[in-house]
Amino acid sequence: MSDDGHDGDGDHGRGGDHGRGSDHGRNDRRGDRRYGRGTDGGAGGGRNRSAGHPPSRGRKPQGARSGQQRGRGAGTGGGQQRHSADPARQVAYDVLRAVTDEDAYANLVLPERLRDRRVGGRDAAFATELAYGTLRWQGTYDRIVGACVDRALSELDPPVLDALRLGTHQLLALRVPPHAAVSTTVDLVRRRISEGAGRFVNAVLRKVERHDLDGWTAELAPTRDDDLAGYVAFRHGHPAWIVRAFRDALGPEADGDALEACLRANNEPAPVALAVRPGRGEVSELLDAGAEPARWSPIGATLTSGDPGRLAAVRSGRAGVQDEGSQLVTLALAAVPVDGPDERWLDMCAGPGGKAAVLGGLVGGQGGRLLAVEQHVHRARLVEQALSGDPSEHEVLVADATEGPWPDEDFDRVLLDAPCSGLGALRRRPEARWRRTPADVGELRPLQAALLLEAARSVRPGGVVAYVTCTPHLAETATIVDDVLRKRDDMERIDARPYLPGVPDLGDGPDVQLWPHVHGTDAMYLALLRRTG
């Protein structure tokens, strides 16, 4: 469960998928099976071997699990027995196909496929790692597969390329025995595509297994000393332009090790962070249900395992799934002192409602009122759901926040969780890094600036604006604030660091940039601005 389809908060990808990354196999000739000429490699995939899940550390691989079906012989010897692709791999492959062909979001498709195939427990966890891991590392795996075939990846049929990516992930990133990684992938392709495709995939994966990831890095990537961004982009599965953006945001004092730590964190599963809605729930209820205290947020908790929907507080709306960074920036806005009245708060881009639920409870507790604005009707409904049960006075308004239908200087506090590239939540949306392009950032800048100018118009003198994004890209964060402040000499920055009490390593200020590898949160950015006149 989640506010916006992932275990975070806010639609950090608002503004649309303005362009896809390189989907190397996309074409409309689905019936043209272009697997490529046979490459070197043994028949493989047809022997009766373990096709199970990766063994636990220190244990020998287990044999085939009970209930696995046996099918026809797979190699050149048709009478040999082989294991069928297990449900976890079938689910993972389904997800890859939906992402490639339908531009689907993996975090939305995966739960559906798990339910459809009745996969749970360890199998569901394995399917999740297969799907998410393959998507995270797609660019690196495509470079490796490209080195093992005799044609451009664009000439491969997309279903075959997705299967090669899936097999490569098992060979290079998981503790799946190589024979099992190859044989189960070949079996899946033979059942889902054709025998000819299976032979091709077998030959290519035999080439892939010649090296581990370090070996392929040495062969295909630039050296770390010659091109740090190019090296870590390959080694940690990120587009080079995103690596450069993260390096710039980390600052000149950050070395290559810090950059690599940041990228590694993007490849780790994000924790399921929970937030109680002020005035409706208590953290103790989440802790009693098995969650652990959040590291920094006084309204937060972390669920280390299981479905958050099983918690009564989540089901009833007293709590919700919300990244701890989202909690912290929302609470920071509420903590800044203001002179005079403090009873009218505005959430300008409220969908899907996680931050609005926190703000509504806080302002309601002091007798105030929240206006939550969302341009899209379906997202406005999500905001209404998040605020449902909140005893405070609030209104959800469907409107374009760049032209707010309210008077000047009408609000005491304004939250602008601006549409952004979402690069700060890459660990939650594994395919996003390959869909986003530098052009997306450029297209979003005018909207972000227009919204912040409208926030400045809407807040009263002495009131506070929080400009928030879930991206560390400087073109979407500090430079937007700089541009607006040059146009509005009646706005000034506030040092945001004191309003995230107890959170370490917040830099030199006045703005705050959170990091997954430092704070365990999404890479949320916060600037606090006060209107002076």
Protein backbone atom coordinates (compact mmCIF):
# COMPACT_ATOMS: atom_id res chain seq x y z
CA MET A 1 0.00 0.00 0.00
CA SER A 2 1.16 3.48 -0.68
CA ASP A 3 0.10 7.01 -1.30
CA ASP A 4 1.07 6.97 -4.93
CA GLY A 5 1.72 3.42 -5.85
CA HIS A 6 5.10 3.19 -4.23
CA ASP A 7 6.24 3.15 -0.66
CA GLY A 8 6.76 6.87 -0.51
CA ASP A 9 4.71 10.00 -0.70
CA GLY A 10 3.91 12.56 -3.29
CA ASP A 11 3.87 12.09 -7.02
CA HIS A 12 7.52 12.71 -7.54
CA GLY A 13 7.17 11.95 -11.20
CA ARG A 14 4.37 14.44 -11.82
CA GLY A 15 4.69 16.21 -15.09
CA GLY A 16 4.51 12.94 -16.99
CA ASP A 17 7.03 10.66 -18.59
CA HIS A 18 8.27 13.30 -21.00
CA GLY A 19 10.50 10.89 -22.80
CA ARG A 20 11.71 7.40 -22.38
CA GLY A 21 15.19 6.19 -22.08
CA SER A 22 16.55 3.74 -24.58
CA ASP A 23 14.13 0.83 -24.76
CA HIS A 24 16.45 -1.05 -27.03
CA GLY A 25 14.04 -3.66 -28.21
CA ARG A 26 10.90 -1.66 -28.86
CA ASN A 27 9.31 -2.21 -32.25
CA ASP A 28 5.93 -3.04 -33.72
CA ARG A 29 6.86 -6.20 -35.59
CA ARG A 30 5.93 -8.61 -32.87
CA GLY A 31 5.72 -11.56 -35.22
CA ASP A 32 9.23 -11.09 -36.61
CA ARG A 33 11.35 -13.31 -34.37
CA ARG A 34 14.85 -11.95 -34.75
CA TYR A 35 16.93 -13.85 -32.25
CA GLY A 36 20.23 -13.46 -34.04
CA ARG A 37 22.49 -16.08 -35.54
CA GLY A 38 23.72 -18.78 -33.28
CA THR A 39 26.58 -17.71 -31.05
CA ASP A 40 29.10 -19.79 -29.21
CA GLY A 41 27.87 -21.74 -26.24
CA GLY A 42 26.89 -25.22 -25.22
CA ALA A 43 23.49 -26.75 -25.56
CA GLY A 44 22.83 -26.15 -21.86
CA GLY A 45 19.54 -25.70 -20.16
CA GLY A 46 18.44 -29.28 -20.77
CA ARG A 47 20.04 -31.15 -17.92
CA ASN A 48 18.16 -32.08 -14.80
CA ARG A 49 19.63 -29.44 -12.48
CA SER A 50 18.52 -27.33 -9.62
CA ALA A 51 16.32 -24.45 -10.76
CA GLY A 52 15.64 -23.22 -7.26
CA HIS A 53 16.10 -19.90 -5.59
CA PRO A 54 19.46 -18.49 -4.57
CA PRO A 55 20.79 -20.33 -1.53
CA SER A 56 21.26 -18.63 1.78
CA ARG A 57 24.79 -17.47 2.46
CA GLY A 58 26.96 -20.34 3.57
CA ARG A 59 24.55 -23.05 2.42
CA LYS A 60 24.85 -25.31 -0.56
CA PRO A 61 22.32 -24.82 -3.33
CA GLN A 62 19.18 -26.84 -2.76
CA GLY A 63 17.68 -29.12 -5.31
CA ALA A 64 14.50 -28.46 -7.19
CA ARG A 65 11.66 -27.52 -4.90
CA SER A 66 8.68 -29.76 -4.53
CA GLY A 67 5.84 -29.08 -6.90
CA GLN A 68 8.01 -27.99 -9.82
CA GLN A 69 6.84 -29.48 -13.05
CA ARG A 70 9.05 -31.43 -15.37
CA GLY A 71 8.76 -30.98 -19.07
CA ARG A 72 10.20 -32.19 -22.32
CA GLY A 73 13.90 -32.48 -22.87
CA ALA A 74 15.53 -29.19 -23.46
CA GLY A 75 18.87 -29.48 -25.16
CA THR A 76 19.74 -31.22 -28.33
CA GLY A 77 18.72 -34.45 -26.67
CA GLY A 78 14.95 -34.32 -26.65
CA GLY A 79 14.55 -37.06 -24.11
CA GLN A 80 16.27 -35.28 -21.25
CA GLN A 81 14.21 -33.91 -18.38
CA ARG A 82 14.18 -30.27 -17.31
CA HIS A 83 12.45 -28.12 -14.76
CA SER A 84 9.79 -25.65 -15.79
CA ALA A 85 10.29 -21.99 -15.06
CA ASP A 86 8.99 -21.54 -11.54
CA PRO A 87 6.20 -19.08 -10.66
CA ALA A 88 8.59 -16.45 -9.28
CA ARG A 89 10.44 -16.20 -12.57
CA GLN A 90 7.19 -16.21 -14.51
CA VAL A 91 5.96 -13.26 -12.43
CA ALA A 92 9.23 -11.36 -12.86
CA TYR A 93 9.13 -11.90 -16.61
CA ASP A 94 5.51 -10.74 -16.75
CA VAL A 95 6.54 -7.53 -15.00
CA LEU A 96 9.42 -6.90 -17.38
CA ARG A 97 7.14 -7.39 -20.36
CA ALA A 98 4.54 -4.96 -18.98
CA VAL A 99 7.20 -2.33 -18.31
CA THR A 100 8.70 -2.68 -21.78
CA ASP A 101 5.53 -2.96 -23.86
CA GLU A 102 3.00 -0.97 -21.84
CA ASP A 103 5.19 1.62 -20.09
CA ALA A 104 3.80 0.16 -16.87
CA TYR A 105 5.14 0.91 -13.40
CA ALA A 106 6.69 -2.19 -11.89
CA ASN A 107 5.49 -1.38 -8.38
CA LEU A 108 1.90 -1.34 -9.63
CA VAL A 109 2.12 -4.38 -11.90
CA LEU A 110 4.03 -6.67 -9.53
CA PRO A 111 1.33 -7.02 -6.84
CA GLU A 112 -1.25 -7.81 -9.51
CA ARG A 113 0.91 -10.52 -11.05
CA LEU A 114 1.70 -12.02 -7.66
CA ARG A 115 -2.01 -12.26 -6.92
CA ASP A 116 -2.84 -13.61 -10.36
CA ARG A 117 -0.30 -16.42 -10.06
CA ARG A 118 -0.93 -16.93 -6.34
CA VAL A 119 2.70 -16.39 -5.45
CA GLY A 120 3.56 -15.50 -1.86
CA GLY A 121 6.17 -15.85 0.85
CA ARG A 122 9.73 -16.54 -0.28
CA ASP A 123 8.61 -16.94 -3.88
CA ALA A 124 7.11 -13.43 -3.83
CA ALA A 125 10.30 -12.02 -2.36
CA PHE A 126 12.36 -13.75 -5.04
CA ALA A 127 10.05 -12.50 -7.80
CA THR A 128 10.37 -8.96 -6.45
CA GLU A 129 14.17 -9.10 -6.44
CA LEU A 130 14.21 -10.58 -9.94
CA ALA A 131 11.92 -7.94 -11.40
CA TYR A 132 13.18 -4.90 -9.52
CA GLY A 133 16.84 -5.86 -9.75
CA THR A 134 16.67 -6.52 -13.47
CA LEU A 135 14.99 -3.17 -14.07
CA ARG A 136 17.45 -1.26 -11.91
CA TRP A 137 20.43 -2.69 -13.74
CA GLN A 138 18.89 -2.67 -17.21
CA GLY A 139 21.36 -0.27 -18.80
CA THR A 140 24.38 -2.19 -17.55
CA TYR A 141 22.88 -5.52 -18.55
CA ASP A 142 22.10 -4.20 -22.02
CA ARG A 143 25.75 -3.23 -22.45
CA ILE A 144 26.81 -6.74 -21.44
CA VAL A 145 24.24 -8.50 -23.61
CA GLY A 146 25.21 -6.22 -26.48
CA ALA A 147 28.78 -7.47 -26.18
CA CYS A 148 27.55 -11.06 -26.48
CA VAL A 149 25.42 -10.79 -29.63
CA ASP A 150 26.36 -10.03 -33.21
CA ARG A 151 23.81 -7.29 -33.84
CA ALA A 152 22.30 -4.21 -32.28
CA LEU A 153 19.95 -4.77 -29.38
CA SER A 154 17.28 -2.90 -31.32
CA GLU A 155 17.24 -5.86 -33.70
CA LEU A 156 16.32 -8.30 -30.94
CA ASP A 157 12.70 -9.08 -30.26
CA PRO A 158 11.68 -7.29 -27.02
CA PRO A 159 10.45 -10.49 -25.29
CA VAL A 160 13.81 -12.12 -25.96
CA LEU A 161 15.75 -9.09 -24.72
CA ASP A 162 13.73 -9.01 -21.51
CA ALA A 163 14.51 -12.69 -20.94
CA LEU A 164 18.22 -12.05 -21.52
CA ARG A 165 18.12 -9.23 -18.97
CA LEU A 166 16.40 -11.54 -16.48
CA GLY A 167 18.96 -14.28 -16.97
CA THR A 168 21.86 -11.84 -16.78
CA HIS A 169 20.62 -10.50 -13.44
CA GLN A 170 20.59 -14.01 -12.01
CA LEU A 171 24.09 -14.70 -13.31
CA LEU A 172 25.71 -11.48 -12.15
CA ALA A 173 23.80 -10.23 -9.11
CA LEU A 174 22.20 -13.18 -7.31
CA ARG A 175 23.44 -16.35 -5.67
CA VAL A 176 21.69 -18.47 -8.27
CA PRO A 177 23.97 -21.22 -9.53
CA PRO A 178 24.94 -20.44 -13.14
CA HIS A 179 23.44 -23.63 -14.52
CA ALA A 180 20.12 -22.81 -12.84
CA ALA A 181 20.17 -19.20 -14.03
CA VAL A 182 20.68 -20.35 -17.62
CA SER A 183 18.44 -23.39 -17.66
CA THR A 184 15.43 -21.72 -16.04
CA THR A 185 15.68 -18.72 -18.35
CA VAL A 186 15.97 -20.95 -21.41
CA ASP A 187 13.02 -23.01 -20.24
CA LEU A 188 10.93 -19.86 -19.73
CA VAL A 189 11.76 -18.64 -23.24
CA ARG A 190 10.96 -21.99 -24.86
CA ARG A 191 7.60 -22.09 -23.15
CA ARG A 192 6.70 -18.43 -23.61
CA ILE A 193 8.26 -17.72 -27.03
CA SER A 194 9.74 -20.62 -29.04
CA GLU A 195 12.37 -23.33 -29.15
CA GLY A 196 14.50 -21.26 -31.51
CA ALA A 197 14.45 -18.34 -29.13
CA GLY A 198 15.46 -20.69 -26.33
CA ARG A 199 18.53 -21.85 -28.22
CA PHE A 200 19.55 -18.27 -28.88
CA VAL A 201 19.08 -17.21 -25.24
CA ASN A 202 21.05 -20.25 -24.08
CA ALA A 203 24.00 -19.34 -26.30
CA VAL A 204 24.03 -15.70 -25.24
CA LEU A 205 23.80 -16.43 -21.51
CA ARG A 206 26.68 -18.90 -21.83
CA LYS A 207 28.72 -15.97 -23.05
CA VAL A 208 27.46 -13.70 -20.25
CA GLU A 209 28.59 -16.17 -17.59
CA ARG A 210 32.20 -15.95 -18.75
CA HIS A 211 32.69 -13.00 -16.39
CA ASP A 212 31.27 -11.77 -13.13
CA LEU A 213 30.17 -8.13 -12.85
CA ASP A 214 33.68 -6.99 -11.95
CA GLY A 215 35.05 -8.75 -15.01
CA TRP A 216 32.49 -7.14 -17.31
CA THR A 217 33.19 -3.77 -15.71
CA ALA A 218 36.87 -4.14 -16.49
CA GLU A 219 36.06 -5.10 -20.07
CA LEU A 220 33.32 -2.59 -20.93
CA ALA A 221 33.48 0.41 -18.58
CA PRO A 222 36.01 3.24 -18.53
CA THR A 223 38.47 3.17 -15.67
CA ARG A 224 37.54 4.92 -12.45
CA ASP A 225 40.47 7.31 -12.77
CA ASP A 226 39.78 8.24 -16.40
CA ASP A 227 36.00 8.71 -16.15
CA LEU A 228 34.50 8.40 -12.68
CA ALA A 229 30.93 9.08 -13.83
CA GLY A 230 31.15 6.57 -16.67
CA TYR A 231 32.71 3.94 -14.45
CA VAL A 232 30.19 4.15 -11.60
CA ALA A 233 27.29 4.48 -14.06
CA PHE A 234 28.16 1.04 -15.43
CA ARG A 235 29.21 -0.50 -12.13
CA HIS A 236 26.09 0.63 -10.26
CA GLY A 237 23.45 0.58 -12.96
CA HIS A 238 22.62 4.27 -13.50
CA PRO A 239 22.52 6.47 -16.59
CA ALA A 240 25.63 8.64 -16.73
CA TRP A 241 23.62 11.88 -16.76
CA ILE A 242 21.97 10.94 -13.45
CA VAL A 243 25.35 10.07 -11.97
CA ARG A 244 26.67 13.49 -12.92
CA ALA A 245 23.59 15.18 -11.45
CA PHE A 246 24.03 13.32 -8.16
CA ARG A 247 27.74 14.17 -8.08
CA ASP A 248 26.94 17.86 -8.55
CA ALA A 249 24.31 17.75 -5.80
CA LEU A 250 26.63 16.00 -3.37
CA GLY A 251 28.99 18.93 -3.74
CA PRO A 252 32.69 19.40 -4.45
CA GLU A 253 33.70 18.06 -1.05
CA ALA A 254 32.17 14.65 -1.80
CA ASP A 255 34.59 12.08 -3.20
CA GLY A 256 34.02 9.12 -5.46
CA ASP A 257 33.33 6.86 -2.50
CA ALA A 258 30.41 9.05 -1.42
CA LEU A 259 29.03 9.00 -4.95
CA GLU A 260 29.24 5.22 -5.10
CA ALA A 261 27.59 4.92 -1.68
CA CYS A 262 24.73 7.05 -2.94
CA LEU A 263 24.25 4.91 -6.05
CA ARG A 264 24.46 1.68 -4.07
CA ALA A 265 21.68 2.96 -1.82
CA ASN A 266 19.51 3.55 -4.88
CA ASN A 267 19.85 -0.15 -5.67
CA GLU A 268 18.72 -1.33 -2.24
CA PRO A 269 15.04 -1.94 -1.47
CA ALA A 270 13.50 0.99 0.35
CA PRO A 271 12.06 0.31 3.81
CA VAL A 272 8.32 0.48 4.32
CA ALA A 273 7.99 3.71 6.26
CA LEU A 274 4.75 4.52 8.06
CA ALA A 275 3.40 7.80 9.40
CA VAL A 276 0.56 8.31 11.82
CA ARG A 277 -1.86 11.08 10.90
CA PRO A 278 -1.78 13.69 13.69
CA GLY A 279 -5.04 13.83 15.58
CA ARG A 280 -6.04 10.37 14.41
CA GLY A 281 -3.33 7.89 15.36
CA GLU A 282 -0.44 7.23 17.73
CA VAL A 283 2.97 5.80 16.94
CA SER A 284 2.55 3.38 19.83
CA GLU A 285 -0.20 1.62 17.91
CA LEU A 286 2.20 0.92 15.05
CA LEU A 287 4.90 -0.28 17.44
CA ASP A 288 2.45 -2.59 19.18
CA ALA A 289 1.62 -4.07 15.76
CA GLY A 290 5.26 -4.98 15.13
CA ALA A 291 6.74 -1.87 13.52
CA GLU A 292 9.95 -0.28 14.74
CA PRO A 293 10.45 3.39 15.66
CA ALA A 294 11.51 5.68 12.84
CA ARG A 295 15.06 6.99 12.97
CA TRP A 296 14.13 10.67 12.98
CA SER A 297 10.43 11.36 12.55
CA PRO A 298 8.31 11.65 15.71
CA ILE A 299 5.24 10.48 13.76
CA GLY A 300 7.00 7.65 11.96
CA ALA A 301 7.67 3.94 12.19
CA THR A 302 9.27 1.34 9.95
CA LEU A 303 7.75 -2.01 9.03
CA THR A 304 10.56 -4.50 8.53
CA SER A 305 8.42 -7.22 6.96
CA GLY A 306 4.91 -7.98 5.88
CA ASP A 307 2.14 -6.06 4.21
CA PRO A 308 1.39 -2.66 5.82
CA GLY A 309 -2.24 -3.18 4.86
CA ARG A 310 -2.52 -5.78 7.59
CA LEU A 311 -2.11 -3.09 10.26
CA ALA A 312 -5.41 -1.85 11.59
CA ALA A 313 -4.13 1.73 11.79
CA VAL A 314 -3.29 1.70 8.09
CA ARG A 315 -6.55 0.08 7.06
CA SER A 316 -8.55 2.65 8.98
CA GLY A 317 -6.58 5.66 7.73
CA ARG A 318 -5.10 6.55 11.12
CA ALA A 319 -1.70 5.93 9.54
CA GLY A 320 -0.35 5.62 6.03
CA VAL A 321 2.72 4.59 4.07
CA GLN A 322 4.98 7.60 3.72
CA ASP A 323 8.73 7.92 3.32
CA GLU A 324 10.41 9.33 6.40
CA GLY A 325 11.94 12.13 4.35
CA SER A 326 8.46 13.22 3.28
CA GLN A 327 7.42 13.26 6.90
CA LEU A 328 10.42 15.34 7.94
CA VAL A 329 10.00 18.09 5.34
CA THR A 330 6.28 18.37 6.13
CA LEU A 331 6.90 18.62 9.85
CA ALA A 332 9.62 21.22 9.22
CA LEU A 333 7.14 23.57 7.58
CA ALA A 334 4.83 23.26 10.56
CA ALA A 335 7.64 23.90 13.05
CA VAL A 336 8.82 27.28 11.76
CA PRO A 337 7.59 30.09 14.08
CA VAL A 338 5.30 32.69 12.51
CA ASP A 339 4.10 35.97 14.01
CA GLY A 340 0.41 36.62 14.04
CA PRO A 341 -2.36 34.26 12.98
CA ASP A 342 -1.52 30.67 12.06
CA GLU A 343 -4.80 29.16 10.98
CA ARG A 344 -4.86 28.96 7.17
CA TRP A 345 -2.56 26.45 5.50
CA LEU A 346 -2.26 25.57 1.80
CA ASP A 347 -1.00 22.38 0.14
CA MET A 348 -0.58 23.45 -3.49
CA CYS A 349 0.09 20.08 -5.21
CA ALA A 350 -1.58 17.78 -2.74
CA GLY A 351 -2.04 14.55 -4.66
CA PRO A 352 -2.03 11.83 -3.60
CA GLY A 353 -2.50 13.20 -0.09
CA GLY A 354 0.12 11.87 2.31
CA LYS A 355 1.52 15.27 3.24
CA ALA A 356 -1.97 16.80 3.26
CA ALA A 357 -3.03 14.22 5.84
CA VAL A 358 -0.16 15.28 8.11
CA LEU A 359 -0.77 19.00 7.59
CA GLY A 360 -4.50 18.66 8.11
CA GLY A 361 -4.02 17.00 11.46
CA LEU A 362 -1.47 19.57 12.60
CA VAL A 363 -3.40 22.69 11.62
CA GLY A 364 -6.64 21.16 12.84
CA GLY A 365 -5.10 20.61 16.22
CA GLN A 366 -4.79 24.37 16.65
CA GLY A 367 -8.21 25.16 15.25
CA GLY A 368 -7.07 26.05 11.74
CA ARG A 369 -8.05 24.98 8.23
CA LEU A 370 -6.25 23.27 5.34
CA LEU A 371 -6.88 23.87 1.65
CA ALA A 372 -5.51 20.98 -0.41
CA VAL A 373 -5.28 21.71 -4.13
CA GLU A 374 -4.88 19.11 -6.86
CA GLN A 375 -5.24 19.68 -10.58
CA HIS A 376 -6.33 16.17 -11.57
CA VAL A 377 -9.69 14.81 -10.48
CA HIS A 378 -8.57 11.24 -9.90
CA ARG A 379 -5.70 12.42 -7.71
CA ALA A 380 -7.98 14.81 -5.85
CA ARG A 381 -10.05 11.76 -4.90
CA LEU A 382 -6.94 10.21 -3.39
CA VAL A 383 -6.42 13.37 -1.34
CA GLU A 384 -10.00 13.15 -0.12
CA GLN A 385 -9.40 9.54 0.89
CA ALA A 386 -6.24 10.49 2.79
CA LEU A 387 -8.12 13.22 4.64
CA SER A 388 -11.18 11.07 5.25
CA GLY A 389 -11.67 10.72 8.97
CA ASP A 390 -9.65 13.83 9.77
CA PRO A 391 -11.77 15.76 12.28
CA SER A 392 -10.24 19.11 11.30
CA GLU A 393 -11.72 21.57 8.86
CA HIS A 394 -10.34 21.05 5.37
CA GLU A 395 -11.23 21.40 1.71
CA VAL A 396 -9.98 19.57 -1.38
CA LEU A 397 -10.05 21.82 -4.43
CA VAL A 398 -9.55 20.71 -8.03
CA ALA A 399 -7.62 23.59 -9.60
CA ASP A 400 -4.43 24.56 -11.39
CA ALA A 401 -2.16 25.81 -8.62
CA THR A 402 -0.21 28.03 -11.02
CA GLU A 403 -3.33 30.21 -11.17
CA GLY A 404 -4.80 29.74 -7.73
CA PRO A 405 -8.36 31.02 -7.33
CA TRP A 406 -7.65 32.63 -3.97
CA PRO A 407 -6.67 36.16 -2.92
CA ASP A 408 -3.12 37.37 -2.52
CA GLU A 409 -1.52 36.86 0.89
CA ASP A 410 -4.28 34.48 1.96
CA PHE A 411 -2.28 31.79 3.80
CA ASP A 412 -0.01 31.56 6.81
CA ARG A 413 1.87 28.47 5.62
CA VAL A 414 2.20 27.04 2.11
CA LEU A 415 3.57 23.66 1.11
CA LEU A 416 4.71 23.30 -2.49
CA ASP A 417 5.65 19.68 -3.13
CA ALA A 418 6.53 20.49 -6.72
CA PRO A 419 6.26 18.16 -9.71
CA CYS A 420 9.75 16.87 -10.37
CA SER A 421 11.79 14.20 -12.07
CA GLY A 422 11.56 11.89 -9.05
CA LEU A 423 15.27 11.08 -9.11
CA GLY A 424 15.26 11.02 -5.32
CA ALA A 425 12.99 7.95 -5.27
CA LEU A 426 14.86 5.70 -7.70
CA ARG A 427 14.98 2.87 -5.18
CA ARG A 428 11.17 2.78 -5.18
CA ARG A 429 10.62 2.98 -8.94
CA PRO A 430 13.26 0.74 -10.47
CA GLU A 431 12.47 1.50 -14.11
CA ALA A 432 12.38 5.28 -13.65
CA ARG A 433 16.11 5.86 -14.10
CA TRP A 434 15.96 4.49 -17.66
CA ARG A 435 12.82 6.41 -18.58
CA ARG A 436 13.86 9.84 -17.44
CA THR A 437 16.02 12.02 -19.68
CA PRO A 438 17.80 15.34 -19.16
CA ALA A 439 15.07 16.92 -21.28
CA ASP A 440 12.50 16.05 -18.60
CA VAL A 441 14.32 18.25 -16.11
CA GLY A 442 14.40 21.16 -18.51
CA GLU A 443 10.69 20.81 -19.24
CA LEU A 444 9.78 20.80 -15.55
CA ARG A 445 11.75 23.91 -14.58
CA PRO A 446 9.25 26.50 -15.88
CA LEU A 447 6.42 24.75 -14.03
CA GLN A 448 8.40 24.54 -10.79
CA ALA A 449 9.31 28.23 -10.96
CA ALA A 450 5.74 29.27 -11.79
CA LEU A 451 4.40 27.29 -8.84
CA LEU A 452 6.92 28.78 -6.44
CA LEU A 453 6.07 32.29 -7.62
CA GLU A 454 2.41 31.50 -6.99
CA ALA A 455 3.30 30.22 -3.52
CA ALA A 456 5.05 33.53 -2.84
CA ARG A 457 1.94 35.42 -3.95
CA SER A 458 -0.30 33.26 -1.78
CA VAL A 459 1.53 33.54 1.55
CA ARG A 460 1.02 36.55 3.79
CA PRO A 461 3.88 38.73 5.05
CA GLY A 462 5.51 36.87 7.92
CA GLY A 463 4.21 33.54 6.59
CA VAL A 464 6.32 30.61 5.43
CA VAL A 465 6.62 28.62 2.21
CA ALA A 466 8.22 25.17 1.98
CA TYR A 467 9.55 24.30 -1.47
CA VAL A 468 9.96 20.52 -1.61
CA THR A 469 11.07 18.12 -4.31
CA CYS A 470 11.98 14.44 -4.36
CA THR A 471 15.06 14.99 -6.48
CA PRO A 472 18.56 16.21 -5.71
CA HIS A 473 19.06 17.61 -9.21
CA LEU A 474 20.29 21.17 -8.76
CA ALA A 475 18.26 22.34 -11.75
CA GLU A 476 15.10 21.42 -9.82
CA THR A 477 16.15 22.47 -6.33
CA ALA A 478 18.40 25.34 -5.27
CA THR A 479 18.54 27.02 -8.67
CA ILE A 480 14.74 27.23 -8.84
CA VAL A 481 14.72 28.96 -5.46
CA ASP A 482 17.54 31.26 -6.55
CA ASP A 483 15.65 32.27 -9.69
CA VAL A 484 12.45 33.04 -7.77
CA LEU A 485 14.24 35.03 -5.09
CA ARG A 486 15.78 37.21 -7.78
CA LYS A 487 12.23 38.07 -8.88
CA ARG A 488 10.76 38.43 -5.39
CA ASP A 489 12.79 40.67 -3.10
CA ASP A 490 10.13 40.22 -0.42
CA MET A 491 11.09 36.56 0.16
CA GLU A 492 14.08 35.31 2.13
CA ARG A 493 15.56 31.93 2.88
CA ILE A 494 15.28 30.46 6.37
CA ASP A 495 17.87 28.02 7.66
CA ALA A 496 15.88 24.78 7.46
CA ARG A 497 18.27 22.64 9.49
CA PRO A 498 16.96 23.51 12.98
CA TYR A 499 13.51 22.33 11.96
CA LEU A 500 14.70 18.78 11.39
CA PRO A 501 15.82 18.20 15.00
CA GLY A 502 18.11 15.28 15.61
CA VAL A 503 18.79 14.64 11.92
CA PRO A 504 22.58 14.66 11.35
CA ASP A 505 24.72 15.59 8.36
CA LEU A 506 22.48 18.28 6.92
CA GLY A 507 25.30 20.21 5.32
CA ASP A 508 26.00 23.92 5.45
CA GLY A 509 22.41 25.06 4.94
CA PRO A 510 20.28 26.99 4.64
CA ASP A 511 18.49 24.42 2.48
CA VAL A 512 18.37 20.71 3.34
CA GLN A 513 19.12 17.79 1.04
CA LEU A 514 18.39 14.35 2.46
CA TRP A 515 20.10 11.27 1.04
CA PRO A 516 19.32 7.54 1.05
CA HIS A 517 22.91 6.59 1.87
CA VAL A 518 23.18 9.11 4.71
CA HIS A 519 19.70 9.41 6.21
CA GLY A 520 17.95 6.29 4.93
CA THR A 521 15.24 8.40 3.31
CA ASP A 522 14.39 9.33 -0.24
CA ALA A 523 16.54 12.18 -1.56
CA MET A 524 14.14 14.92 -0.49
CA TYR A 525 15.07 18.58 -0.90
CA LEU A 526 13.66 21.33 1.32
CA ALA A 527 13.93 25.11 1.14
CA LEU A 528 12.06 27.26 3.66
CA LEU A 529 11.18 30.82 2.65
CA ARG A 530 9.62 33.61 4.66
CA ARG A 531 7.74 36.49 3.11
CA THR A 532 9.11 39.71 4.54
CA GLY A 533 6.77 42.27 3.06
